[in-house]
Amino acid sequence: MFQLDTLARLVRAHLAEVQRNVRSDAGYTTETIVVTALLVILGLTVVGIIVAKVTAKANGIDLG
């Protein structure tokens, strides 16, 4: 019976540790999503600025 009691305590301790780890990482996913979204918005803005400048420069070329 001693071995089963020890095993049960170890399992309970492991489950408690897993639950603590799940709670401590709860904001990590949200933080990652927000940072990724901001980087995507920044990247799209930079690409838009570059496209606008290249288009303006191309339209300014005199072909005639």
N, C-alpha and C. Protein backbone atom coordinates (compact mmCIF):
# COMPACT_ATOMS: atom_id res chain seq x y z
N MET A 1 0.82 -1.19 0.00
CA MET A 1 0.00 0.00 0.00
C MET A 1 0.86 1.25 0.00
N PHE A 2 2.06 1.15 0.56
CA PHE A 2 2.95 2.29 0.62
C PHE A 2 3.30 2.80 -0.78
N GLN A 3 3.53 1.90 -1.71
CA GLN A 3 3.91 2.30 -3.06
C GLN A 3 2.76 3.02 -3.77
N LEU A 4 1.55 2.54 -3.57
CA LEU A 4 0.40 3.19 -4.20
C LEU A 4 0.18 4.58 -3.62
N ASP A 5 0.37 4.71 -2.32
CA ASP A 5 0.21 6.01 -1.67
C ASP A 5 1.26 7.00 -2.19
N THR A 6 2.49 6.54 -2.30
CA THR A 6 3.56 7.40 -2.82
C THR A 6 3.29 7.77 -4.27
N LEU A 7 2.86 6.81 -5.05
CA LEU A 7 2.55 7.07 -6.46
C LEU A 7 1.41 8.08 -6.58
N ALA A 8 0.39 7.94 -5.77
CA ALA A 8 -0.74 8.86 -5.81
C ALA A 8 -0.29 10.28 -5.45
N ARG A 9 0.59 10.41 -4.45
CA ARG A 9 1.10 11.73 -4.08
C ARG A 9 1.93 12.35 -5.21
N LEU A 10 2.74 11.52 -5.85
CA LEU A 10 3.55 12.02 -6.96
C LEU A 10 2.68 12.48 -8.13
N VAL A 11 1.64 11.71 -8.41
CA VAL A 11 0.73 12.09 -9.50
C VAL A 11 0.01 13.39 -9.16
N ARG A 12 -0.45 13.53 -7.93
CA ARG A 12 -1.12 14.77 -7.52
C ARG A 12 -0.17 15.96 -7.60
N ALA A 13 1.06 15.77 -7.18
CA ALA A 13 2.05 16.85 -7.24
C ALA A 13 2.34 17.24 -8.68
N HIS A 14 2.43 16.24 -9.55
CA HIS A 14 2.69 16.52 -10.96
C HIS A 14 1.51 17.27 -11.59
N LEU A 15 0.30 16.85 -11.28
CA LEU A 15 -0.89 17.53 -11.82
C LEU A 15 -0.96 18.98 -11.32
N ALA A 16 -0.62 19.19 -10.07
CA ALA A 16 -0.63 20.55 -9.53
C ALA A 16 0.41 21.41 -10.25
N GLU A 17 1.57 20.84 -10.54
CA GLU A 17 2.61 21.59 -11.25
C GLU A 17 2.16 21.92 -12.67
N VAL A 18 1.52 20.97 -13.33
CA VAL A 18 1.02 21.21 -14.69
C VAL A 18 -0.02 22.32 -14.68
N GLN A 19 -0.91 22.31 -13.70
CA GLN A 19 -1.94 23.35 -13.60
C GLN A 19 -1.30 24.72 -13.36
N ARG A 20 -0.27 24.79 -12.54
CA ARG A 20 0.42 26.07 -12.31
C ARG A 20 1.06 26.57 -13.59
N ASN A 21 1.67 25.67 -14.34
CA ASN A 21 2.32 26.07 -15.59
C ASN A 21 1.30 26.55 -16.62
N VAL A 22 0.15 25.91 -16.67
CA VAL A 22 -0.89 26.34 -17.60
C VAL A 22 -1.37 27.74 -17.24
N ARG A 23 -1.55 28.00 -15.97
CA ARG A 23 -2.01 29.32 -15.54
C ARG A 23 -0.96 30.39 -15.78
N SER A 24 0.31 30.05 -15.59
CA SER A 24 1.36 31.06 -15.73
C SER A 24 1.60 31.43 -17.20
N ASP A 25 1.27 30.56 -18.13
CA ASP A 25 1.46 30.85 -19.55
C ASP A 25 0.18 31.36 -20.22
N ALA A 26 -0.83 31.65 -19.45
CA ALA A 26 -2.13 32.00 -20.02
C ALA A 26 -2.05 33.25 -20.88
N GLY A 27 -1.28 34.26 -20.50
CA GLY A 27 -1.21 35.50 -21.26
C GLY A 27 -0.23 35.46 -22.40
N TYR A 28 0.59 34.44 -22.47
CA TYR A 28 1.62 34.38 -23.50
C TYR A 28 1.02 34.31 -24.89
N THR A 29 -0.02 33.53 -25.07
CA THR A 29 -0.64 33.39 -26.38
C THR A 29 -1.26 34.71 -26.82
N THR A 30 -1.96 35.38 -25.94
CA THR A 30 -2.57 36.66 -26.28
C THR A 30 -1.50 37.69 -26.61
N GLU A 31 -0.45 37.72 -25.83
CA GLU A 31 0.64 38.66 -26.09
C GLU A 31 1.27 38.39 -27.45
N THR A 32 1.48 37.14 -27.77
CA THR A 32 2.07 36.77 -29.06
C THR A 32 1.17 37.20 -30.21
N ILE A 33 -0.12 37.00 -30.07
CA ILE A 33 -1.06 37.38 -31.13
C ILE A 33 -1.05 38.89 -31.33
N VAL A 34 -1.05 39.65 -30.27
CA VAL A 34 -1.06 41.11 -30.37
C VAL A 34 0.23 41.61 -31.03
N VAL A 35 1.37 41.09 -30.60
CA VAL A 35 2.65 41.52 -31.18
C VAL A 35 2.72 41.14 -32.65
N THR A 36 2.27 39.93 -32.99
CA THR A 36 2.28 39.49 -34.39
C THR A 36 1.36 40.37 -35.24
N ALA A 37 0.19 40.69 -34.72
CA ALA A 37 -0.74 41.55 -35.46
C ALA A 37 -0.13 42.94 -35.70
N LEU A 38 0.53 43.49 -34.69
CA LEU A 38 1.16 44.79 -34.85
C LEU A 38 2.28 44.75 -35.89
N LEU A 39 3.05 43.67 -35.88
CA LEU A 39 4.12 43.54 -36.87
C LEU A 39 3.55 43.39 -38.28
N VAL A 40 2.46 42.68 -38.43
CA VAL A 40 1.81 42.53 -39.74
C VAL A 40 1.30 43.88 -40.22
N ILE A 41 0.67 44.63 -39.35
CA ILE A 41 0.16 45.96 -39.72
C ILE A 41 1.31 46.87 -40.12
N LEU A 42 2.39 46.84 -39.37
CA LEU A 42 3.56 47.65 -39.69
C LEU A 42 4.14 47.25 -41.04
N GLY A 43 4.26 45.95 -41.28
CA GLY A 43 4.78 45.46 -42.55
C GLY A 43 3.91 45.86 -43.72
N LEU A 44 2.60 45.75 -43.58
CA LEU A 44 1.70 46.16 -44.66
C LEU A 44 1.78 47.66 -44.92
N THR A 45 1.95 48.44 -43.87
CA THR A 45 2.09 49.89 -44.03
C THR A 45 3.36 50.22 -44.80
N VAL A 46 4.46 49.57 -44.45
CA VAL A 46 5.72 49.82 -45.14
C VAL A 46 5.62 49.41 -46.61
N VAL A 47 5.03 48.26 -46.88
CA VAL A 47 4.85 47.82 -48.27
C VAL A 47 3.97 48.80 -49.03
N GLY A 48 2.92 49.30 -48.41
CA GLY A 48 2.04 50.28 -49.05
C GLY A 48 2.78 51.56 -49.39
N ILE A 49 3.62 52.03 -48.50
CA ILE A 49 4.40 53.25 -48.75
C ILE A 49 5.36 53.02 -49.91
N ILE A 50 6.04 51.89 -49.91
CA ILE A 50 6.99 51.59 -50.99
C ILE A 50 6.27 51.49 -52.33
N VAL A 51 5.14 50.81 -52.36
CA VAL A 51 4.36 50.67 -53.61
C VAL A 51 3.91 52.05 -54.09
N ALA A 52 3.46 52.91 -53.20
CA ALA A 52 3.01 54.25 -53.59
C ALA A 52 4.16 55.06 -54.17
N LYS A 53 5.34 54.97 -53.55
CA LYS A 53 6.49 55.73 -54.05
C LYS A 53 6.97 55.20 -55.40
N VAL A 54 7.00 53.89 -55.55
CA VAL A 54 7.43 53.30 -56.82
C VAL A 54 6.43 53.63 -57.92
N THR A 55 5.15 53.56 -57.61
CA THR A 55 4.12 53.89 -58.60
C THR A 55 4.20 55.35 -59.00
N ALA A 56 4.40 56.23 -58.04
CA ALA A 56 4.52 57.66 -58.35
C ALA A 56 5.75 57.93 -59.21
N LYS A 57 6.84 57.27 -58.90
CA LYS A 57 8.06 57.44 -59.69
C LYS A 57 7.86 56.89 -61.10
N ALA A 58 7.18 55.74 -61.24
CA ALA A 58 6.94 55.16 -62.56
C ALA A 58 6.01 56.04 -63.38
N ASN A 59 5.02 56.63 -62.74
CA ASN A 59 4.10 57.51 -63.46
C ASN A 59 4.78 58.81 -63.87
N GLY A 60 5.84 59.17 -63.20
CA GLY A 60 6.55 60.41 -63.52
C GLY A 60 7.54 60.27 -64.68
N ILE A 61 7.74 59.07 -65.19
CA ILE A 61 8.67 58.87 -66.30
C ILE A 61 8.01 59.35 -67.59
N ASP A 62 8.73 60.17 -68.32
CA ASP A 62 8.21 60.70 -69.59
C ASP A 62 8.66 59.78 -70.72
N LEU A 63 7.70 59.14 -71.35
CA LEU A 63 8.00 58.21 -72.44
C LEU A 63 7.86 58.86 -73.81
N GLY A 64 7.46 60.09 -73.88
CA GLY A 64 7.18 60.69 -75.18
C GLY A 64 8.08 61.78 -75.47
